[in-house]
Amino acid sequence: MKRFVRLVFAIALVALTWIGAGYPQAAWAEASLNNADAKLATEFGKKIDLNNTNISNFRAYRGLYPTLAQKIIANAPYSAPEEVLKIGGLSDRQQSLLQDYLNAGTFTVTEQDPIFNEGDHRINDGVYK
């Protein structure tokens, strides 16, 4: 009787591990794509989005982090990348730096998304290096 019970449990265990093997894995991965991942697949993930990018992403661009990045984030939302030049209190050097980045196509503007803007995550994203 013990052998029979062991055999039944072994067969049940093998059967349970094979339940999900028949489903195509690509369909599972596609279904789990959330709004943040979908937005990162657009130009948002390749450029600085003035309405949604957090402050730590400005580090990759010389002269923007931290002072200009804070000003850009504080004056959001923007409807066009050129509006960044209208921020009050910018020095001539800061304006020319922003103009250079605009000419290079570094900035983009998309609608503000709560995923990237809630809870002041644009200022403090909780990543400490």
Protein backbone atom coordinates (compact mmCIF):
# COMPACT_ATOMS: atom_id res chain seq x y z
CA MET A 1 0.00 0.00 0.00
CA LYS A 2 2.87 2.38 0.79
CA ARG A 3 4.36 1.78 -2.64
CA PHE A 4 1.03 2.52 -4.29
CA VAL A 5 0.66 5.83 -2.41
CA ARG A 6 4.24 6.81 -3.29
CA LEU A 7 3.60 5.98 -6.93
CA VAL A 8 0.40 8.05 -6.99
CA PHE A 9 2.16 11.03 -5.40
CA ALA A 10 5.09 10.74 -7.80
CA ILE A 11 2.77 10.66 -10.81
CA ALA A 12 0.78 13.61 -9.43
CA LEU A 13 3.97 15.60 -8.86
CA VAL A 14 5.20 14.96 -12.41
CA ALA A 15 1.78 15.84 -13.82
CA LEU A 16 1.61 19.11 -11.87
CA THR A 17 5.04 20.22 -13.07
CA TRP A 18 4.01 19.68 -16.70
CA ILE A 19 0.71 21.60 -16.53
CA GLY A 20 2.07 24.90 -17.87
CA ALA A 21 4.48 23.39 -20.37
CA GLY A 22 1.91 23.31 -23.17
CA TYR A 23 1.40 27.07 -23.27
CA PRO A 24 3.54 29.17 -25.59
CA GLN A 25 5.89 31.22 -23.43
CA ALA A 26 5.88 34.26 -25.75
CA ALA A 27 2.17 34.72 -25.09
CA TRP A 28 2.78 34.78 -21.35
CA ALA A 29 5.59 37.32 -21.67
CA GLU A 30 3.55 39.59 -23.93
CA ALA A 31 0.59 39.55 -21.58
CA SER A 32 2.76 40.68 -18.67
CA LEU A 33 3.90 43.89 -20.43
CA ASN A 34 2.74 46.81 -18.26
CA ASN A 35 2.30 50.50 -19.12
CA ALA A 36 5.77 51.49 -17.92
CA ASP A 37 7.48 48.83 -20.04
CA ALA A 38 5.39 49.80 -23.06
CA LYS A 39 6.42 53.45 -22.68
CA LEU A 40 10.09 52.52 -22.29
CA ALA A 41 9.89 50.77 -25.67
CA THR A 42 9.07 54.10 -27.37
CA GLU A 43 11.41 57.07 -27.79
CA PHE A 44 10.90 57.74 -24.06
CA GLY A 45 13.45 55.05 -23.35
CA LYS A 46 16.01 56.54 -25.75
CA LYS A 47 15.77 60.27 -25.01
CA ILE A 48 15.20 62.50 -21.99
CA ASP A 49 11.44 62.95 -21.62
CA LEU A 50 11.03 66.35 -20.02
CA ASN A 51 7.69 65.39 -18.45
CA ASN A 52 8.50 61.93 -17.07
CA THR A 53 12.23 61.23 -16.71
CA ASN A 54 13.62 61.10 -13.17
CA ILE A 55 16.57 63.21 -12.07
CA SER A 56 19.13 60.40 -12.06
CA ASN A 57 18.76 59.93 -15.84
CA PHE A 58 20.10 63.45 -16.38
CA ARG A 59 23.51 62.30 -15.09
CA ALA A 60 24.41 60.96 -18.52
CA TYR A 61 24.34 64.49 -19.96
CA ARG A 62 27.15 66.81 -18.97
CA GLY A 63 26.03 70.04 -17.33
CA LEU A 64 22.42 69.05 -16.66
CA TYR A 65 22.75 67.25 -13.34
CA PRO A 66 21.75 68.33 -10.68
CA THR A 67 20.92 72.05 -11.02
CA LEU A 68 19.37 72.18 -14.48
CA ALA A 69 17.68 68.83 -13.98
CA GLN A 70 15.94 70.15 -10.86
CA LYS A 71 14.77 73.25 -12.72
CA ILE A 72 13.51 71.20 -15.65
CA ILE A 73 11.56 68.86 -13.37
CA ALA A 74 10.18 71.69 -11.23
CA ASN A 75 8.78 73.53 -14.28
CA ALA A 76 7.13 70.51 -15.94
CA PRO A 77 4.81 69.79 -17.73
CA TYR A 78 5.93 70.88 -21.17
CA SER A 79 4.02 70.65 -24.44
CA ALA A 80 7.13 70.92 -26.64
CA PRO A 81 10.85 70.42 -25.97
CA GLU A 82 11.57 74.07 -26.86
CA GLU A 83 9.59 75.24 -23.83
CA VAL A 84 12.53 74.25 -21.63
CA LEU A 85 14.25 77.45 -22.80
CA LYS A 86 11.47 79.55 -21.21
CA ILE A 87 12.36 78.50 -17.66
CA GLY A 88 12.88 81.60 -15.56
CA GLY A 89 16.24 82.32 -13.99
CA LEU A 90 18.45 80.50 -16.50
CA SER A 91 21.90 81.93 -17.13
CA ASP A 92 23.19 82.45 -20.67
CA ARG A 93 25.45 79.43 -20.29
CA GLN A 94 22.55 77.24 -19.14
CA GLN A 95 20.39 78.41 -22.04
CA SER A 96 23.13 77.70 -24.58
CA LEU A 97 23.69 74.26 -23.04
CA LEU A 98 19.98 73.47 -23.27
CA GLN A 99 19.91 74.78 -26.85
CA ASP A 100 22.80 72.47 -27.75
CA TYR A 101 20.94 69.48 -26.33
CA LEU A 102 17.76 70.55 -28.15
CA ASN A 103 19.65 70.79 -31.44
CA ALA A 104 21.11 67.32 -30.85
CA GLY A 105 17.60 65.89 -30.36
CA THR A 106 18.27 64.81 -26.79
CA PHE A 107 14.86 65.86 -25.41
CA THR A 108 11.38 64.63 -26.13
CA VAL A 109 7.99 65.38 -24.60
CA THR A 110 5.20 62.90 -23.93
CA GLU A 111 2.14 63.20 -21.73
CA GLN A 112 2.79 63.02 -18.02
CA ASP A 113 2.27 59.47 -16.85
CA PRO A 114 1.36 58.76 -13.20
CA ILE A 115 3.61 55.70 -13.26
CA PHE A 116 6.66 57.94 -13.54
CA ASN A 117 5.41 60.99 -11.59
CA GLU A 118 3.63 59.77 -8.45
CA GLY A 119 5.24 60.20 -5.06
CA ASP A 120 8.03 62.55 -6.16
CA HIS A 121 9.90 59.67 -7.80
CA ARG A 122 11.24 62.10 -10.38
CA ILE A 123 13.31 63.81 -7.67
CA ASN A 124 14.17 60.80 -5.50
CA ASP A 125 13.88 57.47 -7.26
CA GLY A 126 15.36 55.58 -4.31
CA VAL A 127 18.49 54.44 -6.15
CA TYR A 128 21.56 55.37 -4.11
CA LYS A 129 24.93 54.71 -5.69
